[in-house]
Amino acid sequence: MELRLIMGGLRYRGNEKMADLSGFLKEHWEEVAHRTGRAFKFDILNQEDLIYDTGPACRAVVAASMVQPSLVWVFFQDFAVRILS
């Protein structure tokens, strides 16, 4: 079976500051952590002036897939682990 990684940001080109989203995100991330058993880092929620835009992270995974298609899953997994746990 062939699997393909297709990126789509939940907040692509987002313009909301973390200060406005932190409560919403924390609640949802805690639920994901509970259901999956994965630990999350919540430090980013304290960066109140951060504009929450998932586009750059998605583009990084797409760029990695263009450079070395066979390693895109490894890159994505490593990237996700570094960001979220």
C-alpha atoms as a PDB file:
ATOM      1  CA  MET A   1       0.000   0.000   0.000  1.00  0.00           C
ATOM      2  CA  GLU A   2       1.334   3.426  -0.911  1.00  0.00           C
ATOM      3  CA  LEU A   3       0.787   6.341   1.455  1.00  0.00           C
ATOM      4  CA  ARG A   4       1.151   9.965   0.454  1.00  0.00           C
ATOM      5  CA  LEU A   5       1.612  12.872   2.818  1.00  0.00           C
ATOM      6  CA  ILE A   6      -0.571  15.805   1.780  1.00  0.00           C
ATOM      7  CA  MET A   7      -0.076  18.975   3.770  1.00  0.00           C
ATOM      8  CA  GLY A   8      -2.848  21.382   4.643  1.00  0.00           C
ATOM      9  CA  GLY A   9      -2.451  23.929   7.382  1.00  0.00           C
ATOM     10  CA  LEU A  10      -5.276  24.404   9.837  1.00  0.00           C
ATOM     11  CA  ARG A  11      -4.347  28.067  10.132  1.00  0.00           C
ATOM     12  CA  TYR A  12      -2.687  28.642   6.770  1.00  0.00           C
ATOM     13  CA  ARG A  13      -1.931  32.343   6.409  1.00  0.00           C
ATOM     14  CA  GLY A  14      -3.374  32.857   9.851  1.00  0.00           C
ATOM     15  CA  ASN A  15      -3.143  36.362  11.252  1.00  0.00           C
ATOM     16  CA  GLU A  16      -4.376  35.802  14.791  1.00  0.00           C
ATOM     17  CA  LYS A  17      -2.012  36.270  17.692  1.00  0.00           C
ATOM     18  CA  MET A  18      -1.340  33.465  20.107  1.00  0.00           C
ATOM     19  CA  ALA A  19      -2.817  35.621  22.876  1.00  0.00           C
ATOM     20  CA  ASP A  20      -6.199  35.275  21.133  1.00  0.00           C
ATOM     21  CA  LEU A  21      -5.899  31.549  20.432  1.00  0.00           C
ATOM     22  CA  SER A  22      -4.020  30.083  23.392  1.00  0.00           C
ATOM     23  CA  GLY A  23      -7.074  29.006  25.397  1.00  0.00           C
ATOM     24  CA  PHE A  24      -8.714  27.395  22.374  1.00  0.00           C
ATOM     25  CA  LEU A  25      -5.504  25.651  21.295  1.00  0.00           C
ATOM     26  CA  LYS A  26      -4.601  24.448  24.787  1.00  0.00           C
ATOM     27  CA  GLU A  27      -7.998  22.824  25.199  1.00  0.00           C
ATOM     28  CA  HIS A  28      -7.755  21.021  21.866  1.00  0.00           C
ATOM     29  CA  TRP A  29      -4.100  20.038  22.258  1.00  0.00           C
ATOM     30  CA  GLU A  30      -4.848  18.576  25.693  1.00  0.00           C
ATOM     31  CA  GLU A  31      -7.630  16.496  24.141  1.00  0.00           C
ATOM     32  CA  VAL A  32      -5.304  15.262  21.370  1.00  0.00           C
ATOM     33  CA  ALA A  33      -2.626  14.435  23.954  1.00  0.00           C
ATOM     34  CA  HIS A  34      -5.166  12.529  26.025  1.00  0.00           C
ATOM     35  CA  ARG A  35      -6.513  10.527  23.086  1.00  0.00           C
ATOM     36  CA  THR A  36      -3.146   9.735  21.524  1.00  0.00           C
ATOM     37  CA  GLY A  37      -0.969   9.413  24.604  1.00  0.00           C
ATOM     38  CA  ARG A  38       1.501  11.875  23.044  1.00  0.00           C
ATOM     39  CA  ALA A  39       3.044  14.617  25.139  1.00  0.00           C
ATOM     40  CA  PHE A  40       2.713  18.186  23.899  1.00  0.00           C
ATOM     41  CA  LYS A  41       4.828  21.243  24.579  1.00  0.00           C
ATOM     42  CA  PHE A  42       2.611  24.135  25.557  1.00  0.00           C
ATOM     43  CA  ASP A  43       5.418  26.732  25.799  1.00  0.00           C
ATOM     44  CA  ILE A  44       4.451  28.284  22.481  1.00  0.00           C
ATOM     45  CA  LEU A  45       1.108  29.309  23.963  1.00  0.00           C
ATOM     46  CA  ASN A  46       2.939  31.833  26.164  1.00  0.00           C
ATOM     47  CA  GLN A  47       4.314  33.731  23.160  1.00  0.00           C
ATOM     48  CA  GLU A  48       1.409  36.156  23.068  1.00  0.00           C
ATOM     49  CA  ASP A  49       2.651  38.240  20.117  1.00  0.00           C
ATOM     50  CA  LEU A  50       3.313  35.204  17.909  1.00  0.00           C
ATOM     51  CA  ILE A  51       1.154  35.137  14.774  1.00  0.00           C
ATOM     52  CA  TYR A  52      -0.168  31.577  14.537  1.00  0.00           C
ATOM     53  CA  ASP A  53       0.329  30.561  10.911  1.00  0.00           C
ATOM     54  CA  THR A  54       0.777  26.896  10.015  1.00  0.00           C
ATOM     55  CA  GLY A  55       1.817  27.712   6.437  1.00  0.00           C
ATOM     56  CA  PRO A  56       5.596  27.841   7.002  1.00  0.00           C
ATOM     57  CA  ALA A  57       5.634  24.412   8.668  1.00  0.00           C
ATOM     58  CA  CYS A  58       3.606  22.918   5.808  1.00  0.00           C
ATOM     59  CA  ARG A  59       5.930  24.462   3.227  1.00  0.00           C
ATOM     60  CA  ALA A  60       8.950  23.011   5.058  1.00  0.00           C
ATOM     61  CA  VAL A  61       7.543  19.494   4.739  1.00  0.00           C
ATOM     62  CA  VAL A  62       6.683  20.054   1.063  1.00  0.00           C
ATOM     63  CA  ALA A  63      10.195  21.401   0.394  1.00  0.00           C
ATOM     64  CA  ALA A  64      11.736  18.365   2.097  1.00  0.00           C
ATOM     65  CA  SER A  65       9.609  16.077  -0.074  1.00  0.00           C
ATOM     66  CA  MET A  66      10.864  17.844  -3.197  1.00  0.00           C
ATOM     67  CA  VAL A  67      14.505  17.541  -2.141  1.00  0.00           C
ATOM     68  CA  GLN A  68      14.388  13.933  -0.941  1.00  0.00           C
ATOM     69  CA  PRO A  69      10.984  12.267  -1.493  1.00  0.00           C
ATOM     70  CA  SER A  70      12.010   9.043   0.232  1.00  0.00           C
ATOM     71  CA  LEU A  71      12.699  10.886   3.494  1.00  0.00           C
ATOM     72  CA  VAL A  72       9.551  13.020   3.725  1.00  0.00           C
ATOM     73  CA  TRP A  73       7.925  10.793   6.385  1.00  0.00           C
ATOM     74  CA  VAL A  74      11.116  10.827   8.469  1.00  0.00           C
ATOM     75  CA  PHE A  75      11.348  14.615   8.161  1.00  0.00           C
ATOM     76  CA  PHE A  76       7.676  15.108   9.032  1.00  0.00           C
ATOM     77  CA  GLN A  77       7.867  12.820  12.051  1.00  0.00           C
ATOM     78  CA  ASP A  78      11.068  14.427  13.330  1.00  0.00           C
ATOM     79  CA  PHE A  79       9.658  17.915  12.749  1.00  0.00           C
ATOM     80  CA  ALA A  80       6.394  17.105  14.535  1.00  0.00           C
ATOM     81  CA  VAL A  81       8.164  15.540  17.505  1.00  0.00           C
ATOM     82  CA  ARG A  82      10.452  18.554  17.913  1.00  0.00           C
ATOM     83  CA  ILE A  83       7.552  21.002  17.782  1.00  0.00           C
ATOM     84  CA  LEU A  84       4.963  19.175  19.846  1.00  0.00           C
ATOM     85  CA  SER A  85       6.829  17.200  22.464  1.00  0.00           C
END
